[in-house]
């Protein structure tokens, strides 16, 4: 059973920073940068930068509405843009840097328009952010995707420190990047890849028990592999179209942590839950009873 996901398209100047910011919001499952609502059927970065194609640098935001509402996303979005500046954000100038909110579903229209109307009432300056259905969206070149993760010192007009990360302060950098930014650890590098002690595995973010050593097997893939979670209710499934493929992404149900992907190439075509070690914390079997008892008392 796949968890319902919604999509909204946000143009807020250079898409590197907007993408990096949006990807950090809890409830946002995927982000992709691209070119929206232009008149060229084969846009490239060079063409769009000429200002002649009519496209806006835009981020496709896929989110779980049960975890984060569209209005909350828009509120966060307005915190990183200047909605009164036309065709300019930060040091970037041109029609491709205009701000816009483009909806995919008619049901999102009222939320967007009501949000903008409320924001306009709160300000004496005129908001110039576009609001319209998405007409077209072309993914940008691969080197633009997750650009600031690949180039941490790259230019960004967005304050990436404005997100409250207090709930993630206990995570290491790798744990944060994997569970919150949906990155993947290198194969054969994780602590639990070649590890088969008895016990349970919990979500490193919030301690939700996800997998058991009883269901762990050596798949040779380079990541921990499980035949099933401890219960279907502890994980959610999402369609993942990144990297030009279609996969099934696995997230934890409570914390919405990115865990890995589900394949059906286990023994005899059985499920293989391919999970990042850095998304998990192992509890040895001789400590499980006391550990679970302490959790209930909290």
Protein backbone atom coordinates (compact mmCIF):
# COMPACT_ATOMS: atom_id res chain seq x y z
CA UNK A 1 0.00 0.00 0.00
CA UNK A 2 1.58 3.27 -1.10
CA UNK A 3 1.26 6.37 1.06
CA UNK A 4 -0.45 9.24 -0.74
CA UNK A 5 1.92 11.96 -1.86
CA UNK A 6 1.13 15.41 -3.19
CA UNK A 7 3.25 17.65 -5.41
CA UNK A 8 3.66 21.43 -5.46
CA UNK A 9 6.05 23.43 -7.66
CA UNK A 10 7.90 26.39 -6.13
CA UNK A 11 9.97 29.02 -7.95
CA UNK A 12 12.09 31.10 -5.62
CA UNK A 13 15.17 32.31 -7.46
CA UNK A 14 18.20 30.05 -7.87
CA UNK A 15 16.81 26.55 -7.48
CA UNK A 16 19.91 25.20 -5.70
CA UNK A 17 19.09 26.85 -2.39
CA UNK A 18 15.32 26.41 -2.60
CA UNK A 19 15.78 22.68 -3.25
CA UNK A 20 18.24 22.28 -0.37
CA UNK A 21 15.88 24.10 2.01
CA UNK A 22 12.74 22.21 1.00
CA UNK A 23 14.47 18.83 1.18
CA UNK A 24 15.11 19.46 4.89
CA UNK A 25 11.43 19.87 5.81
CA UNK A 26 9.93 16.96 7.69
CA UNK A 27 7.23 15.46 5.49
CA UNK A 28 8.93 16.39 2.22
CA UNK A 29 9.94 13.11 0.60
CA UNK A 30 11.49 14.15 -2.71
CA UNK A 31 12.74 17.29 -4.41
CA UNK A 32 13.79 17.87 -8.01
CA UNK A 33 14.96 21.05 -9.71
CA UNK A 34 13.88 22.01 -13.20
CA UNK A 35 12.44 24.58 -15.56
CA UNK A 36 8.73 25.44 -15.43
CA UNK A 37 6.12 27.22 -17.52
CA UNK A 38 8.23 28.30 -20.46
CA UNK A 39 7.83 28.20 -24.23
CA UNK A 40 10.80 26.01 -25.18
CA UNK A 41 10.13 22.28 -25.40
CA UNK A 42 13.76 21.35 -24.79
CA UNK A 43 15.11 23.83 -22.25
CA UNK A 44 18.70 23.70 -21.05
CA UNK A 45 20.39 25.73 -18.34
CA UNK A 46 22.13 27.85 -20.95
CA UNK A 47 18.88 28.54 -22.83
CA UNK A 48 16.97 29.40 -19.66
CA UNK A 49 19.76 31.72 -18.46
CA UNK A 50 19.36 33.71 -21.69
CA UNK A 51 15.96 34.82 -20.42
CA UNK A 52 14.38 34.03 -23.78
CA UNK A 53 12.58 30.76 -22.98
CA UNK A 54 10.15 32.11 -20.38
CA UNK A 55 10.97 29.37 -17.87
CA UNK A 56 11.34 29.85 -14.13
CA UNK A 57 13.92 27.93 -12.12
CA UNK A 58 11.57 25.74 -10.09
CA UNK A 59 11.63 22.99 -7.50
CA UNK A 60 9.22 20.06 -7.68
CA UNK A 61 8.33 19.25 -4.08
CA UNK A 62 6.78 15.87 -3.29
CA UNK A 63 5.33 15.72 0.21
CA UNK A 64 3.22 13.63 2.54
CA UNK A 65 0.12 15.71 3.41
CA UNK A 66 -0.43 13.64 6.55
CA UNK A 67 2.87 14.96 7.92
CA UNK A 68 3.17 18.45 6.47
CA UNK A 69 0.30 20.56 5.13
CA UNK A 70 0.60 22.61 1.96
CA UNK A 71 0.02 25.82 3.89
CA UNK A 72 2.97 25.00 6.16
CA UNK A 73 5.19 24.45 3.10
CA UNK A 74 4.08 27.80 1.68
CA UNK A 75 4.77 29.51 5.01
CA UNK A 76 8.29 28.09 5.04
CA UNK A 77 8.71 29.06 1.38
CA UNK A 78 7.78 32.69 2.07
CA UNK A 79 10.39 32.72 4.82
CA UNK A 80 13.21 32.22 2.29
CA UNK A 81 12.08 34.42 -0.63
CA UNK A 82 11.36 38.08 -1.21
CA UNK A 83 7.81 37.94 -2.58
CA UNK A 84 7.85 41.69 -3.40
CA UNK A 85 10.84 41.51 -5.74
CA UNK A 86 10.05 40.97 -9.42
CA UNK A 87 12.45 38.83 -11.45
CA UNK A 88 15.12 38.98 -8.79
CA UNK A 89 16.15 36.98 -5.73
CA UNK A 90 19.40 37.70 -3.95
CA UNK A 91 22.12 38.49 -6.47
CA UNK A 92 20.27 36.72 -9.29
CA UNK A 93 18.39 38.87 -11.79
CA UNK A 94 16.21 37.75 -14.71
CA UNK A 95 12.77 36.39 -15.50
CA UNK A 96 14.02 32.89 -14.73
CA UNK A 97 14.44 33.99 -11.11
CA UNK A 98 10.86 35.14 -10.61
CA UNK A 99 8.91 33.69 -7.71
CA UNK A 100 5.91 31.44 -8.24
CA UNK A 101 3.65 28.80 -6.75
CA UNK A 102 2.35 26.34 -9.31
CA UNK A 103 -0.19 23.73 -8.32
CA UNK A 104 -0.71 20.31 -9.85
CA UNK A 105 -4.15 19.51 -8.40
CA UNK A 106 -7.21 21.77 -8.54
CA UNK A 107 -7.76 21.00 -4.86
CA UNK A 108 -4.55 22.93 -4.07
CA UNK A 109 -5.71 26.12 -5.80
CA UNK A 110 -7.83 27.51 -2.96
CA UNK A 111 -5.10 26.84 -0.41
CA UNK A 112 -2.56 28.75 -2.51
CA UNK A 113 -4.84 31.69 -3.28
CA UNK A 114 -6.07 31.99 0.31
CA UNK A 115 -2.50 31.89 1.57
CA UNK A 116 -1.42 34.67 -0.81
CA UNK A 117 -4.50 36.76 0.06
CA UNK A 118 -3.68 36.49 3.76
CA UNK A 119 -0.06 37.43 3.16
CA UNK A 120 -1.12 40.42 1.07
CA UNK A 121 -3.39 41.69 3.87
CA UNK A 122 -0.43 41.57 6.22
CA UNK A 123 1.74 43.78 3.99
CA UNK A 124 1.53 47.23 2.43
CA UNK A 125 3.85 46.11 -0.39
CA UNK A 126 2.49 44.30 -3.42
CA UNK A 127 3.24 40.60 -3.65
CA UNK A 128 4.44 39.68 -7.15
CA UNK A 129 4.70 35.92 -6.66
CA UNK A 130 2.92 34.09 -9.48
CA UNK A 131 0.08 31.68 -8.69
CA UNK A 132 -1.13 29.38 -11.47
CA UNK A 133 -1.40 25.72 -12.45
CA UNK A 134 1.81 24.06 -13.55
CA UNK A 135 1.94 24.21 -17.33
CA UNK A 136 5.14 22.31 -17.96
CA UNK A 137 8.12 21.13 -15.96
CA UNK A 138 11.39 19.85 -17.40
CA UNK A 139 13.94 18.35 -14.97
CA UNK A 140 17.24 20.20 -15.00
CA UNK A 141 20.53 18.57 -15.88
CA UNK A 142 21.82 15.97 -13.42
CA UNK A 143 24.62 18.19 -12.09
CA UNK A 144 22.00 20.63 -10.80
CA UNK A 145 20.17 17.98 -8.79
CA UNK A 146 21.09 18.12 -5.07
CA UNK A 147 23.73 20.66 -6.09
CA UNK A 148 24.49 22.01 -2.63
CA UNK A 149 24.91 18.52 -1.22
CA UNK A 150 27.58 17.88 -3.85
CA UNK A 151 29.04 21.39 -3.51
CA UNK A 152 28.55 22.56 0.11
CA UNK A 153 30.39 25.84 -0.56
CA UNK A 154 28.26 26.67 -3.60
CA UNK A 155 26.39 29.96 -3.90
CA UNK A 156 23.05 30.08 -2.12
CA UNK A 157 20.80 33.07 -1.48
CA UNK A 158 18.73 31.00 0.98
CA UNK A 159 19.54 30.81 4.69
CA UNK A 160 19.75 27.05 5.19
CA UNK A 161 20.23 27.58 8.92
CA UNK A 162 16.70 28.93 9.34
CA UNK A 163 15.23 25.44 9.79
CA UNK A 164 14.88 24.33 13.39
CA UNK A 165 16.93 21.13 13.49
CA UNK A 166 16.75 20.67 17.27
CA UNK A 167 14.91 17.35 16.93
CA UNK A 168 17.82 16.06 14.83
CA UNK A 169 20.64 17.32 17.07
CA UNK A 170 21.36 13.78 18.28
CA UNK A 171 22.13 12.58 14.75
CA UNK A 172 25.56 12.40 13.18
CA UNK A 173 26.07 14.18 9.88
CA UNK A 174 25.75 10.90 7.95
CA UNK A 175 22.60 9.92 9.86
CA UNK A 176 21.02 13.30 9.11
CA UNK A 177 21.95 13.24 5.43
CA UNK A 178 20.49 9.77 4.94
CA UNK A 179 17.31 10.00 7.03
CA UNK A 180 16.43 13.62 6.24
CA UNK A 181 18.01 14.28 2.83
CA UNK A 182 17.42 10.79 1.36
CA UNK A 183 21.07 10.21 0.57
CA UNK A 184 22.62 6.73 0.32
CA UNK A 185 25.72 5.43 2.05
CA UNK A 186 28.35 3.74 -0.15
CA UNK A 187 27.87 -0.04 -0.55
CA UNK A 188 29.72 -2.28 1.94
CA UNK A 189 30.49 0.74 4.13
CA UNK A 190 27.70 0.52 6.69
CA UNK A 191 28.11 -0.86 10.20
CA UNK A 192 25.29 -3.40 9.80
CA UNK A 193 26.04 -4.72 6.30
CA UNK A 194 28.04 -7.79 7.35
CA UNK A 195 26.48 -7.99 10.83
CA UNK A 196 24.22 -10.79 12.07
CA UNK A 197 23.95 -10.59 15.84
CA UNK A 198 20.55 -11.27 17.43
CA UNK A 199 18.49 -8.22 18.29
CA UNK A 200 16.27 -5.50 16.90
CA UNK A 201 16.85 -2.46 14.74
CA UNK A 202 15.16 0.86 15.48
CA UNK A 203 14.82 4.15 13.64
CA UNK A 204 17.88 6.21 14.58
CA UNK A 205 15.69 9.35 14.62
CA UNK A 206 12.95 8.45 17.11
CA UNK A 207 13.58 4.91 18.33
CA UNK A 208 10.66 3.24 16.57
CA UNK A 209 11.41 -0.50 16.23
CA UNK A 210 11.55 -1.33 12.53
CA UNK A 211 13.33 -4.62 11.85
CA UNK A 212 14.42 -7.81 13.60
CA UNK A 213 17.58 -9.87 13.17
CA UNK A 214 15.24 -12.85 12.57
CA UNK A 215 14.42 -11.35 9.18
CA UNK A 216 17.92 -10.20 8.21
CA UNK A 217 19.83 -12.04 5.49
CA UNK A 218 23.03 -11.66 3.48
CA UNK A 219 22.02 -10.45 0.04
CA UNK A 220 25.52 -9.48 -1.06
CA UNK A 221 24.19 -6.10 -2.19
CA UNK A 222 26.37 -4.04 0.17
CA UNK A 223 23.59 -2.84 2.48
CA UNK A 224 21.65 -4.52 5.31
CA UNK A 225 18.83 -6.63 3.85
CA UNK A 226 15.62 -7.70 5.56
CA UNK A 227 12.79 -9.90 4.30
CA UNK A 228 10.17 -7.80 6.13
CA UNK A 229 9.71 -5.15 8.83
CA UNK A 230 8.52 -6.12 12.33
CA UNK A 231 5.06 -4.91 11.27
CA UNK A 232 3.66 -3.42 8.05
CA UNK A 233 2.49 -0.39 10.03
CA UNK A 234 6.00 0.80 10.93
CA UNK A 235 7.01 1.65 7.35
CA UNK A 236 5.50 3.59 4.46
CA UNK A 237 6.11 3.05 0.76
CA UNK A 238 6.60 5.80 -1.80
CA UNK A 239 7.22 5.80 -5.53
CA UNK A 240 10.71 7.15 -6.19
CA UNK A 241 11.42 8.46 -9.70
CA UNK A 242 14.90 9.83 -8.97
CA UNK A 243 17.92 9.05 -11.14
CA UNK A 244 15.72 8.22 -14.11
CA UNK A 245 14.37 5.01 -12.57
CA UNK A 246 11.22 3.91 -10.77
CA UNK A 247 11.81 2.40 -7.35
CA UNK A 248 9.91 1.90 -4.10
CA UNK A 249 11.29 4.11 -1.35
CA UNK A 250 10.88 2.96 2.25
CA UNK A 251 10.37 5.45 5.09
CA UNK A 252 9.58 5.03 8.77
CA UNK A 253 5.92 5.69 9.53
CA UNK A 254 6.30 7.91 12.61
CA UNK A 255 9.44 9.97 11.95
CA UNK A 256 9.22 9.88 8.13
CA UNK A 257 12.91 8.91 8.00
CA UNK A 258 14.30 7.80 4.67
CA UNK A 259 15.46 4.22 5.22
CA UNK A 260 16.19 2.75 1.79
CA UNK A 261 14.31 0.90 -0.94
CA UNK A 262 12.25 -2.23 -1.45
CA UNK A 263 13.14 -4.73 -4.16
CA UNK A 264 11.74 -8.14 -5.00
CA UNK A 265 14.96 -9.96 -5.80
CA UNK A 266 15.40 -11.83 -2.52
CA UNK A 267 15.50 -15.65 -2.34
CA UNK A 268 12.88 -17.02 -4.71
CA UNK A 269 11.79 -13.53 -5.71
CA UNK A 270 10.93 -12.61 -2.13
CA UNK A 271 11.06 -8.99 -0.83
CA UNK A 272 14.41 -7.39 -0.03
CA UNK A 273 14.25 -4.34 2.15
CA UNK A 274 17.56 -2.68 1.31
CA UNK A 275 18.27 -0.35 4.24
CA UNK A 276 21.03 2.14 5.06
CA UNK A 277 22.98 1.26 8.21
CA UNK A 278 23.03 4.91 9.22
CA UNK A 279 19.22 4.94 9.38
CA UNK A 280 19.25 2.24 12.05
CA UNK A 281 20.33 1.66 15.64
CA UNK A 282 20.89 -1.93 16.81
CA UNK A 283 19.73 -3.19 20.22
CA UNK A 284 21.31 -6.54 21.24
CA UNK A 285 18.88 -9.34 22.13
CA UNK A 286 19.99 -9.53 25.80
CA UNK A 287 19.08 -5.85 26.20
CA UNK A 288 15.80 -5.83 24.27
CA UNK A 289 13.43 -6.65 27.16
CA UNK A 290 14.85 -3.98 29.46
CA UNK A 291 15.06 -1.51 26.59
CA UNK A 292 11.43 -1.95 25.55
CA UNK A 293 10.31 -1.77 29.19
CA UNK A 294 12.09 1.55 29.63
CA UNK A 295 10.49 2.88 26.44
CA UNK A 296 7.00 2.10 27.75
CA UNK A 297 7.71 3.99 30.97
CA UNK A 298 8.76 7.17 29.17
